[in-house]
Amino acid sequence: MVCATTPTARIAPTFGMTDAMNGKEGRMTLFNKLAGKASALLNASGICSNNCIDGHCSGCGECCADLLPLTKGEIKRLRDYARKHHLQENKRSFLETKGGPDLSCPFRNEHTKQCDVYSVRPLICKEYICSRLLQKPIAQTGLTKEKRDIHSLRWEVFKNPECENLLKEAQKAAMKRR
């Protein structure tokens, strides 16, 4: 989702849009072009990473992770959906993980480059975009409205035992930051 509160969004209407572009679609098109160019400049400069294309998700999967801040309701919804649709855990190979734990999202289908649970994905997945220029302030996302703890999707949905210790370490680290 594109954030309309970024500095680029505030200045976009002043760039001499024609009457045809004054509608919402025209403003968003112009904004996406400007945001994409600004993000590309920031990315090239090394200030921040950006895997977006014209202000939209590129589908690269870089942000798709196993450990996420989730609510109990989101876990239940994902678990129920996975059971109902007979989903299997997507895993990366031993070589891809360099012998370490697989921290990729178990719902990221590497063959289709799609999310297997897109319709019921957690709020963090709905709100996150990998461009710092386009990210909303966390207070505007709804992520602070409910209690969220760090959970492993692999453990919570598929009961993958490889993730249990990793999850405990991540939760301990999160508690130290509070």
N, C-alpha and C. Protein backbone atom coordinates (compact mmCIF):
# COMPACT_ATOMS: atom_id res chain seq x y z
N MET A 1 0.84 -1.17 0.00
CA MET A 1 0.00 0.00 0.00
C MET A 1 0.90 1.24 0.00
N VAL A 2 0.55 2.21 -0.79
CA VAL A 2 1.34 3.42 -0.89
C VAL A 2 0.91 4.39 0.19
N CYS A 3 1.86 5.00 0.83
CA CYS A 3 1.59 5.92 1.93
C CYS A 3 1.39 7.33 1.40
N ALA A 4 0.27 7.93 1.68
CA ALA A 4 -0.02 9.28 1.21
C ALA A 4 0.48 10.35 2.18
N THR A 5 1.21 9.95 3.21
CA THR A 5 1.70 10.94 4.18
C THR A 5 3.18 11.24 4.00
N THR A 6 3.81 10.69 2.99
CA THR A 6 5.23 10.96 2.77
C THR A 6 5.41 12.36 2.21
N PRO A 7 6.59 12.93 2.34
CA PRO A 7 6.83 14.25 1.76
C PRO A 7 6.53 14.30 0.27
N THR A 8 6.83 13.23 -0.44
CA THR A 8 6.56 13.20 -1.87
C THR A 8 5.07 13.34 -2.14
N ALA A 9 4.23 12.69 -1.33
CA ALA A 9 2.79 12.76 -1.55
C ALA A 9 2.28 14.17 -1.33
N ARG A 10 2.88 14.88 -0.39
CA ARG A 10 2.42 16.23 -0.12
C ARG A 10 2.78 17.21 -1.24
N ILE A 11 3.89 16.95 -1.94
CA ILE A 11 4.29 17.89 -2.99
C ILE A 11 3.82 17.47 -4.37
N ALA A 12 3.39 16.21 -4.52
CA ALA A 12 2.99 15.72 -5.84
C ALA A 12 1.95 16.59 -6.53
N PRO A 13 0.90 17.09 -5.85
CA PRO A 13 -0.10 17.89 -6.54
C PRO A 13 0.45 19.21 -7.09
N THR A 14 1.60 19.65 -6.66
CA THR A 14 2.12 20.93 -7.13
C THR A 14 2.95 20.82 -8.39
N PHE A 15 3.04 19.63 -8.97
CA PHE A 15 3.87 19.43 -10.13
C PHE A 15 3.14 19.68 -11.45
N GLY A 16 2.18 20.58 -11.49
CA GLY A 16 1.53 20.97 -12.73
C GLY A 16 0.76 19.86 -13.41
N MET A 17 -0.07 19.15 -12.67
CA MET A 17 -0.86 18.08 -13.28
C MET A 17 -1.91 18.69 -14.18
N THR A 18 -2.23 18.02 -15.25
CA THR A 18 -3.29 18.47 -16.15
C THR A 18 -4.62 18.17 -15.51
N ASP A 19 -5.71 18.73 -16.04
CA ASP A 19 -7.04 18.47 -15.50
C ASP A 19 -7.37 16.98 -15.53
N ALA A 20 -6.88 16.28 -16.55
CA ALA A 20 -7.15 14.85 -16.66
C ALA A 20 -6.50 14.07 -15.53
N MET A 21 -5.45 14.62 -14.93
CA MET A 21 -4.75 13.91 -13.86
C MET A 21 -5.19 14.37 -12.48
N ASN A 22 -6.17 15.26 -12.39
CA ASN A 22 -6.57 15.79 -11.09
C ASN A 22 -7.39 14.79 -10.27
N GLY A 23 -7.90 13.73 -10.88
CA GLY A 23 -8.64 12.71 -10.14
C GLY A 23 -7.70 11.90 -9.28
N LYS A 24 -8.30 11.05 -8.42
CA LYS A 24 -7.50 10.21 -7.52
C LYS A 24 -6.52 9.33 -8.29
N GLU A 25 -6.99 8.74 -9.38
CA GLU A 25 -6.12 7.85 -10.17
C GLU A 25 -4.93 8.61 -10.73
N GLY A 26 -5.17 9.81 -11.23
CA GLY A 26 -4.08 10.62 -11.77
C GLY A 26 -3.08 11.02 -10.71
N ARG A 27 -3.58 11.38 -9.53
CA ARG A 27 -2.68 11.76 -8.44
C ARG A 27 -1.84 10.56 -8.01
N MET A 28 -2.47 9.38 -7.91
CA MET A 28 -1.73 8.20 -7.49
C MET A 28 -0.70 7.80 -8.55
N THR A 29 -1.05 7.93 -9.82
CA THR A 29 -0.10 7.61 -10.88
C THR A 29 1.11 8.53 -10.78
N LEU A 30 0.86 9.82 -10.65
CA LEU A 30 1.95 10.78 -10.54
C LEU A 30 2.76 10.52 -9.27
N PHE A 31 2.06 10.28 -8.17
CA PHE A 31 2.75 10.01 -6.91
C PHE A 31 3.64 8.78 -7.03
N ASN A 32 3.10 7.71 -7.62
CA ASN A 32 3.88 6.47 -7.75
C ASN A 32 5.12 6.69 -8.60
N LYS A 33 5.01 7.48 -9.67
CA LYS A 33 6.17 7.77 -10.50
C LYS A 33 7.22 8.55 -9.72
N LEU A 34 6.76 9.58 -9.00
CA LEU A 34 7.69 10.39 -8.20
C LEU A 34 8.32 9.57 -7.08
N ALA A 35 7.49 8.81 -6.39
CA ALA A 35 8.00 7.99 -5.28
C ALA A 35 8.98 6.95 -5.79
N GLY A 36 8.69 6.36 -6.93
CA GLY A 36 9.59 5.37 -7.51
C GLY A 36 10.94 5.98 -7.85
N LYS A 37 10.93 7.18 -8.42
CA LYS A 37 12.18 7.85 -8.77
C LYS A 37 12.96 8.25 -7.52
N ALA A 38 12.26 8.78 -6.52
CA ALA A 38 12.92 9.17 -5.28
C ALA A 38 13.50 7.95 -4.57
N SER A 39 12.74 6.86 -4.55
CA SER A 39 13.22 5.64 -3.91
C SER A 39 14.43 5.08 -4.64
N ALA A 40 14.40 5.14 -5.97
CA ALA A 40 15.54 4.65 -6.75
C ALA A 40 16.80 5.45 -6.42
N LEU A 41 16.64 6.77 -6.27
CA LEU A 41 17.79 7.61 -5.92
C LEU A 41 18.33 7.26 -4.54
N LEU A 42 17.42 7.08 -3.57
CA LEU A 42 17.84 6.72 -2.21
C LEU A 42 18.50 5.34 -2.20
N ASN A 43 17.94 4.43 -2.94
CA ASN A 43 18.50 3.08 -3.00
C ASN A 43 19.90 3.11 -3.63
N ALA A 44 20.04 3.86 -4.71
CA ALA A 44 21.34 3.95 -5.39
C ALA A 44 22.38 4.61 -4.49
N SER A 45 21.93 5.52 -3.64
CA SER A 45 22.86 6.21 -2.76
C SER A 45 23.25 5.37 -1.55
N GLY A 46 22.53 4.27 -1.33
CA GLY A 46 22.83 3.40 -0.19
C GLY A 46 22.15 3.85 1.09
N ILE A 47 21.31 4.89 1.03
CA ILE A 47 20.63 5.39 2.23
C ILE A 47 19.62 4.36 2.74
N CYS A 48 18.88 3.74 1.85
CA CYS A 48 17.94 2.70 2.26
C CYS A 48 17.69 1.76 1.09
N SER A 49 17.20 0.57 1.42
CA SER A 49 16.91 -0.38 0.36
C SER A 49 15.50 -0.15 -0.15
N ASN A 50 15.28 -0.57 -1.38
CA ASN A 50 13.97 -0.43 -1.98
C ASN A 50 13.84 -1.47 -3.07
N ASN A 51 12.95 -2.41 -2.87
CA ASN A 51 12.69 -3.42 -3.89
C ASN A 51 11.37 -3.17 -4.59
N CYS A 52 10.82 -1.96 -4.45
CA CYS A 52 9.56 -1.60 -5.07
C CYS A 52 9.77 -1.23 -6.54
N ILE A 53 8.71 -1.38 -7.29
CA ILE A 53 8.69 -0.93 -8.68
C ILE A 53 7.57 0.09 -8.78
N ASP A 54 7.91 1.33 -9.10
CA ASP A 54 6.95 2.43 -9.20
C ASP A 54 6.05 2.52 -7.96
N GLY A 55 6.65 2.33 -6.79
CA GLY A 55 5.91 2.49 -5.54
C GLY A 55 5.08 1.29 -5.14
N HIS A 56 5.20 0.18 -5.85
CA HIS A 56 4.43 -1.02 -5.53
C HIS A 56 5.37 -2.20 -5.28
N CYS A 57 4.87 -3.17 -4.56
CA CYS A 57 5.65 -4.37 -4.25
C CYS A 57 6.08 -5.06 -5.55
N SER A 58 7.34 -5.45 -5.60
CA SER A 58 7.86 -6.14 -6.78
C SER A 58 7.65 -7.64 -6.71
N GLY A 59 7.25 -8.15 -5.54
CA GLY A 59 7.05 -9.59 -5.39
C GLY A 59 8.34 -10.36 -5.21
N CYS A 60 9.42 -9.66 -4.83
CA CYS A 60 10.74 -10.31 -4.73
C CYS A 60 10.82 -11.27 -3.55
N GLY A 61 10.00 -11.09 -2.51
CA GLY A 61 10.02 -11.97 -1.35
C GLY A 61 11.05 -11.64 -0.29
N GLU A 62 11.81 -10.57 -0.47
CA GLU A 62 12.84 -10.21 0.50
C GLU A 62 12.26 -9.95 1.89
N CYS A 63 11.04 -9.47 1.97
CA CYS A 63 10.46 -9.14 3.27
C CYS A 63 9.65 -10.30 3.86
N CYS A 64 9.46 -11.37 3.12
CA CYS A 64 8.66 -12.50 3.58
C CYS A 64 9.47 -13.31 4.58
N ALA A 65 9.08 -13.27 5.85
CA ALA A 65 9.87 -13.88 6.91
C ALA A 65 9.05 -14.83 7.77
N ASP A 66 9.73 -15.70 8.47
CA ASP A 66 9.09 -16.66 9.36
C ASP A 66 8.73 -16.02 10.70
N LEU A 67 9.63 -15.22 11.25
CA LEU A 67 9.40 -14.60 12.56
C LEU A 67 8.71 -13.25 12.37
N LEU A 68 7.49 -13.15 12.90
CA LEU A 68 6.70 -11.94 12.71
C LEU A 68 5.96 -11.56 13.99
N PRO A 69 5.67 -10.26 14.17
CA PRO A 69 4.81 -9.85 15.29
C PRO A 69 3.35 -10.15 14.93
N LEU A 70 2.77 -11.13 15.62
CA LEU A 70 1.42 -11.59 15.30
C LEU A 70 0.52 -11.57 16.52
N THR A 71 -0.78 -11.47 16.26
CA THR A 71 -1.77 -11.61 17.33
C THR A 71 -2.21 -13.07 17.37
N LYS A 72 -2.83 -13.46 18.46
CA LYS A 72 -3.36 -14.82 18.56
C LYS A 72 -4.42 -15.07 17.48
N GLY A 73 -5.22 -14.05 17.19
CA GLY A 73 -6.25 -14.18 16.17
C GLY A 73 -5.66 -14.43 14.78
N GLU A 74 -4.56 -13.75 14.47
CA GLU A 74 -3.92 -13.95 13.18
C GLU A 74 -3.36 -15.36 13.06
N ILE A 75 -2.78 -15.87 14.15
CA ILE A 75 -2.24 -17.23 14.14
C ILE A 75 -3.36 -18.24 13.90
N LYS A 76 -4.46 -18.07 14.62
CA LYS A 76 -5.60 -18.98 14.45
C LYS A 76 -6.13 -18.94 13.02
N ARG A 77 -6.27 -17.74 12.47
CA ARG A 77 -6.77 -17.58 11.10
C ARG A 77 -5.84 -18.27 10.09
N LEU A 78 -4.54 -18.09 10.25
CA LEU A 78 -3.57 -18.73 9.36
C LEU A 78 -3.59 -20.25 9.49
N ARG A 79 -3.64 -20.71 10.73
CA ARG A 79 -3.66 -22.16 10.99
C ARG A 79 -4.91 -22.79 10.36
N ASP A 80 -6.08 -22.17 10.60
CA ASP A 80 -7.34 -22.69 10.05
C ASP A 80 -7.32 -22.69 8.52
N TYR A 81 -6.81 -21.62 7.94
CA TYR A 81 -6.75 -21.51 6.48
C TYR A 81 -5.82 -22.58 5.90
N ALA A 82 -4.67 -22.78 6.53
CA ALA A 82 -3.71 -23.78 6.06
C ALA A 82 -4.30 -25.19 6.12
N ARG A 83 -5.04 -25.48 7.18
CA ARG A 83 -5.67 -26.80 7.30
C ARG A 83 -6.77 -26.98 6.25
N LYS A 84 -7.61 -25.96 6.14
CA LYS A 84 -8.74 -26.03 5.20
C LYS A 84 -8.26 -26.22 3.76
N HIS A 85 -7.17 -25.58 3.39
CA HIS A 85 -6.66 -25.63 2.02
C HIS A 85 -5.51 -26.62 1.84
N HIS A 86 -5.25 -27.43 2.88
CA HIS A 86 -4.23 -28.49 2.83
C HIS A 86 -2.88 -27.94 2.37
N LEU A 87 -2.49 -26.80 2.95
CA LEU A 87 -1.22 -26.19 2.57
C LEU A 87 -0.06 -26.92 3.22
N GLN A 88 1.02 -27.02 2.48
CA GLN A 88 2.25 -27.60 2.99
C GLN A 88 3.25 -26.48 3.23
N GLU A 89 4.13 -26.69 4.17
CA GLU A 89 5.18 -25.72 4.48
C GLU A 89 6.14 -25.60 3.30
N ASN A 90 6.32 -24.39 2.79
CA ASN A 90 7.32 -24.14 1.75
C ASN A 90 8.66 -23.97 2.42
N LYS A 91 9.65 -24.73 1.96
CA LYS A 91 10.97 -24.68 2.57
C LYS A 91 12.03 -24.35 1.53
N ARG A 92 13.06 -23.68 1.99
CA ARG A 92 14.23 -23.45 1.14
C ARG A 92 15.20 -24.60 1.35
N SER A 93 16.03 -24.82 0.37
CA SER A 93 16.99 -25.93 0.45
C SER A 93 18.10 -25.62 1.45
N PHE A 94 18.81 -26.67 1.84
CA PHE A 94 19.94 -26.55 2.75
C PHE A 94 20.98 -25.57 2.19
N LEU A 95 21.19 -25.62 0.88
CA LEU A 95 22.17 -24.71 0.25
C LEU A 95 21.69 -23.26 0.29
N GLU A 96 20.38 -23.05 0.07
CA GLU A 96 19.84 -21.70 0.10
C GLU A 96 19.94 -21.07 1.48
N THR A 97 19.81 -21.87 2.51
CA THR A 97 19.87 -21.36 3.88
C THR A 97 21.29 -21.40 4.42
N LYS A 98 22.24 -21.88 3.62
CA LYS A 98 23.65 -21.98 4.01
C LYS A 98 23.82 -22.78 5.29
N GLY A 99 22.96 -23.80 5.45
CA GLY A 99 23.07 -24.69 6.59
C GLY A 99 22.40 -24.17 7.85
N GLY A 100 21.89 -22.95 7.82
CA GLY A 100 21.22 -22.38 8.99
C GLY A 100 19.72 -22.63 8.94
N PRO A 101 19.02 -22.08 9.91
CA PRO A 101 17.56 -22.26 9.92
C PRO A 101 16.91 -21.52 8.75
N ASP A 102 15.82 -22.04 8.28
CA ASP A 102 15.07 -21.41 7.19
C ASP A 102 14.21 -20.30 7.80
N LEU A 103 14.60 -19.06 7.58
CA LEU A 103 13.87 -17.92 8.14
C LEU A 103 12.90 -17.30 7.13
N SER A 104 12.76 -17.94 5.97
CA SER A 104 11.81 -17.43 4.98
C SER A 104 10.39 -17.79 5.39
N CYS A 105 9.44 -17.08 4.85
CA CYS A 105 8.04 -17.35 5.16
C CYS A 105 7.63 -18.70 4.59
N PRO A 106 7.00 -19.54 5.41
CA PRO A 106 6.59 -20.86 4.92
C PRO A 106 5.43 -20.79 3.94
N PHE A 107 4.83 -19.62 3.78
CA PHE A 107 3.72 -19.44 2.84
C PHE A 107 4.15 -18.81 1.52
N ARG A 108 5.42 -18.45 1.41
CA ARG A 108 5.95 -17.86 0.18
C ARG A 108 6.25 -18.99 -0.79
N ASN A 109 5.50 -19.06 -1.88
CA ASN A 109 5.70 -20.09 -2.89
C ASN A 109 6.74 -19.60 -3.88
N GLU A 110 7.92 -20.17 -3.83
CA GLU A 110 9.03 -19.72 -4.68
C GLU A 110 8.82 -20.05 -6.15
N HIS A 111 7.98 -21.02 -6.45
CA HIS A 111 7.72 -21.36 -7.85
C HIS A 111 6.81 -20.33 -8.51
N THR A 112 5.76 -19.93 -7.79
CA THR A 112 4.80 -18.97 -8.36
C THR A 112 5.13 -17.53 -7.97
N LYS A 113 6.04 -17.36 -6.99
CA LYS A 113 6.39 -16.04 -6.44
C LYS A 113 5.15 -15.37 -5.83
N GLN A 114 4.26 -16.17 -5.25
CA GLN A 114 3.02 -15.70 -4.66
C GLN A 114 2.93 -16.13 -3.20
N CYS A 115 2.05 -15.46 -2.48
CA CYS A 115 1.76 -15.80 -1.09
C CYS A 115 0.59 -16.78 -1.08
N ASP A 116 0.78 -17.94 -0.47
CA ASP A 116 -0.27 -18.96 -0.41
C ASP A 116 -1.42 -18.56 0.50
N VAL A 117 -1.21 -17.58 1.38
CA VAL A 117 -2.27 -17.17 2.32
C VAL A 117 -2.62 -15.69 2.14
N TYR A 118 -2.44 -15.19 0.93
CA TYR A 118 -2.60 -13.76 0.67
C TYR A 118 -3.93 -13.20 1.20
N SER A 119 -5.01 -13.92 1.02
CA SER A 119 -6.33 -13.42 1.43
C SER A 119 -6.47 -13.31 2.94
N VAL A 120 -5.66 -14.04 3.71
CA VAL A 120 -5.76 -14.00 5.17
C VAL A 120 -4.42 -13.62 5.80
N ARG A 121 -3.53 -13.00 5.03
CA ARG A 121 -2.19 -12.66 5.53
C ARG A 121 -2.29 -11.73 6.74
N PRO A 122 -1.29 -11.77 7.61
CA PRO A 122 -1.29 -10.93 8.82
C PRO A 122 -1.20 -9.43 8.47
N LEU A 123 -1.58 -8.60 9.41
CA LEU A 123 -1.56 -7.16 9.21
C LEU A 123 -0.15 -6.65 8.87
N ILE A 124 0.88 -7.21 9.49
CA ILE A 124 2.24 -6.76 9.20
C ILE A 124 2.55 -6.94 7.72
N CYS A 125 2.04 -8.01 7.12
CA CYS A 125 2.27 -8.26 5.69
C CYS A 125 1.45 -7.32 4.82
N LYS A 126 0.28 -6.92 5.30
CA LYS A 126 -0.56 -5.98 4.55
C LYS A 126 0.04 -4.58 4.57
N GLU A 127 0.59 -4.19 5.70
CA GLU A 127 1.05 -2.82 5.89
C GLU A 127 2.49 -2.56 5.47
N TYR A 128 3.33 -3.58 5.53
CA TYR A 128 4.75 -3.36 5.28
C TYR A 128 5.04 -3.16 3.80
N ILE A 129 5.92 -2.22 3.51
CA ILE A 129 6.46 -2.06 2.16
C ILE A 129 7.95 -1.79 2.34
N CYS A 130 8.76 -2.37 1.49
CA CYS A 130 10.21 -2.39 1.73
C CYS A 130 10.93 -1.10 1.35
N SER A 131 10.22 -0.05 1.13
CA SER A 131 10.85 1.23 0.86
C SER A 131 10.62 2.15 2.06
N ARG A 132 11.67 2.59 2.70
CA ARG A 132 11.50 3.48 3.85
C ARG A 132 10.79 4.77 3.46
N LEU A 133 10.98 5.19 2.23
CA LEU A 133 10.32 6.40 1.74
C LEU A 133 8.80 6.23 1.75
N LEU A 134 8.33 5.03 1.49
CA LEU A 134 6.90 4.79 1.35
C LEU A 134 6.25 4.23 2.61
N GLN A 135 7.04 3.87 3.63
CA GLN A 135 6.48 3.28 4.84
C GLN A 135 5.68 4.30 5.63
N LYS A 136 4.56 3.83 6.17
CA LYS A 136 3.76 4.65 7.06
C LYS A 136 4.41 4.63 8.45
N PRO A 137 4.23 5.71 9.21
CA PRO A 137 4.65 5.64 10.62
C PRO A 137 3.86 4.51 11.29
N ILE A 138 4.50 3.78 12.19
CA ILE A 138 3.87 2.60 12.79
C ILE A 138 2.53 2.93 13.47
N ALA A 139 2.39 4.12 14.02
CA ALA A 139 1.14 4.50 14.68
C ALA A 139 -0.02 4.57 13.70
N GLN A 140 0.24 4.73 12.42
CA GLN A 140 -0.83 4.82 11.43
C GLN A 140 -1.21 3.48 10.83
N THR A 141 -0.54 2.43 11.20
CA THR A 141 -0.77 1.13 10.57
C THR A 141 -1.78 0.25 11.27
N GLY A 142 -2.07 0.48 12.52
CA GLY A 142 -2.94 -0.41 13.27
C GLY A 142 -2.17 -1.52 13.97
N LEU A 143 -0.86 -1.56 13.75
CA LEU A 143 -0.05 -2.63 14.36
C LEU A 143 0.09 -2.47 15.87
N THR A 144 -0.19 -1.31 16.40
CA THR A 144 -0.05 -1.09 17.84
C THR A 144 -1.38 -1.22 18.58
N LYS A 145 -2.46 -1.51 17.87
CA LYS A 145 -3.78 -1.58 18.50
C LYS A 145 -4.03 -2.86 19.28
N GLU A 146 -3.38 -3.95 18.89
CA GLU A 146 -3.57 -5.23 19.56
C GLU A 146 -2.23 -5.74 20.06
N LYS A 147 -2.28 -6.62 21.07
CA LYS A 147 -1.04 -7.21 21.60
C LYS A 147 -0.44 -8.14 20.56
N ARG A 148 0.82 -7.90 20.26
CA ARG A 148 1.55 -8.72 19.29
C ARG A 148 2.81 -9.26 19.94
N ASP A 149 3.08 -10.51 19.69
CA ASP A 149 4.32 -11.13 20.15
C ASP A 149 5.02 -11.73 18.93
N ILE A 150 6.31 -11.96 19.06
CA ILE A 150 7.07 -12.57 17.98
C ILE A 150 6.72 -14.06 17.92
N HIS A 151 6.31 -14.50 16.74
CA HIS A 151 5.95 -15.90 16.53
C HIS A 151 6.63 -16.42 15.28
N SER A 152 6.87 -17.71 15.28
CA SER A 152 7.37 -18.41 14.10
C SER A 152 6.18 -19.03 13.38
N LEU A 153 5.96 -18.63 12.14
CA LEU A 153 4.88 -19.22 11.36
C LEU A 153 5.10 -20.72 11.18
N ARG A 154 6.37 -21.10 10.99
CA ARG A 154 6.68 -22.52 10.80
C ARG A 154 6.28 -23.34 12.04
N TRP A 155 6.49 -22.77 13.22
CA TRP A 155 6.14 -23.47 14.45
C TRP A 155 4.63 -23.41 14.70
N GLU A 156 4.06 -22.23 14.63
CA GLU A 156 2.65 -22.03 14.99
C GLU A 156 1.69 -22.76 14.06
N VAL A 157 2.02 -22.83 12.77
CA VAL A 157 1.09 -23.43 11.81
C VAL A 157 1.47 -24.88 11.48
N PHE A 158 2.76 -25.14 11.31
CA PHE A 158 3.20 -26.46 10.85
C PHE A 158 3.91 -27.28 11.94
N LYS A 159 4.11 -26.69 13.12
CA LYS A 159 4.79 -27.35 14.25
C LYS A 159 6.16 -27.88 13.85
N ASN A 160 6.89 -27.12 13.06
CA ASN A 160 8.24 -27.49 12.64
C ASN A 160 9.16 -27.38 13.86
N PRO A 161 9.72 -28.51 14.34
CA PRO A 161 10.53 -28.49 15.57
C PRO A 161 11.85 -27.71 15.42
N GLU A 162 12.31 -27.52 14.20
CA GLU A 162 13.55 -26.76 13.98
C GLU A 162 13.41 -25.31 14.44
N CYS A 163 12.19 -24.83 14.53
CA CYS A 163 11.95 -23.41 14.82
C CYS A 163 11.73 -23.11 16.30
N GLU A 164 11.52 -24.13 17.11
CA GLU A 164 11.18 -23.90 18.51
C GLU A 164 12.27 -23.13 19.26
N ASN A 165 13.52 -23.54 19.17
CA ASN A 165 14.61 -22.85 19.87
C ASN A 165 14.83 -21.45 19.30
N LEU A 166 14.75 -21.33 17.99
CA LEU A 166 14.90 -20.03 17.34
C LEU A 166 13.84 -19.06 17.84
N LEU A 167 12.62 -19.54 17.95
CA LEU A 167 11.51 -18.73 18.43
C LEU A 167 11.75 -18.27 19.87
N LYS A 168 12.20 -19.17 20.72
CA LYS A 168 12.46 -18.82 22.12
C LYS A 168 13.52 -17.72 22.21
N GLU A 169 14.57 -17.82 21.40
CA GLU A 169 15.63 -16.80 21.38
C GLU A 169 15.09 -15.46 20.90
N ALA A 170 14.27 -15.48 19.87
CA ALA A 170 13.70 -14.23 19.34
C ALA A 170 12.77 -13.58 20.37
N GLN A 171 11.99 -14.38 21.06
CA GLN A 171 11.08 -13.84 22.08
C GLN A 171 11.87 -13.25 23.25
N LYS A 172 12.97 -13.91 23.66
CA LYS A 172 13.80 -13.38 24.73
C LYS A 172 14.40 -12.04 24.33
N ALA A 173 14.90 -11.95 23.11
CA ALA A 173 15.48 -10.71 22.61
C ALA A 173 14.43 -9.59 22.57
N ALA A 174 13.21 -9.93 22.18
CA ALA A 174 12.14 -8.93 22.12
C ALA A 174 11.77 -8.44 23.52
N MET A 175 11.77 -9.34 24.50
CA MET A 175 11.45 -8.95 25.88
C MET A 175 12.52 -8.01 26.44
N LYS A 176 13.78 -8.20 26.07
CA LYS A 176 14.85 -7.33 26.54
C LYS A 176 14.69 -5.91 26.02
N ARG A 177 14.12 -5.77 24.82
CA ARG A 177 13.94 -4.43 24.22
C ARG A 177 12.79 -3.67 24.84
N ARG A 178 11.86 -4.37 25.51
CA ARG A 178 10.66 -3.69 26.06
C ARG A 178 10.98 -2.92 27.28
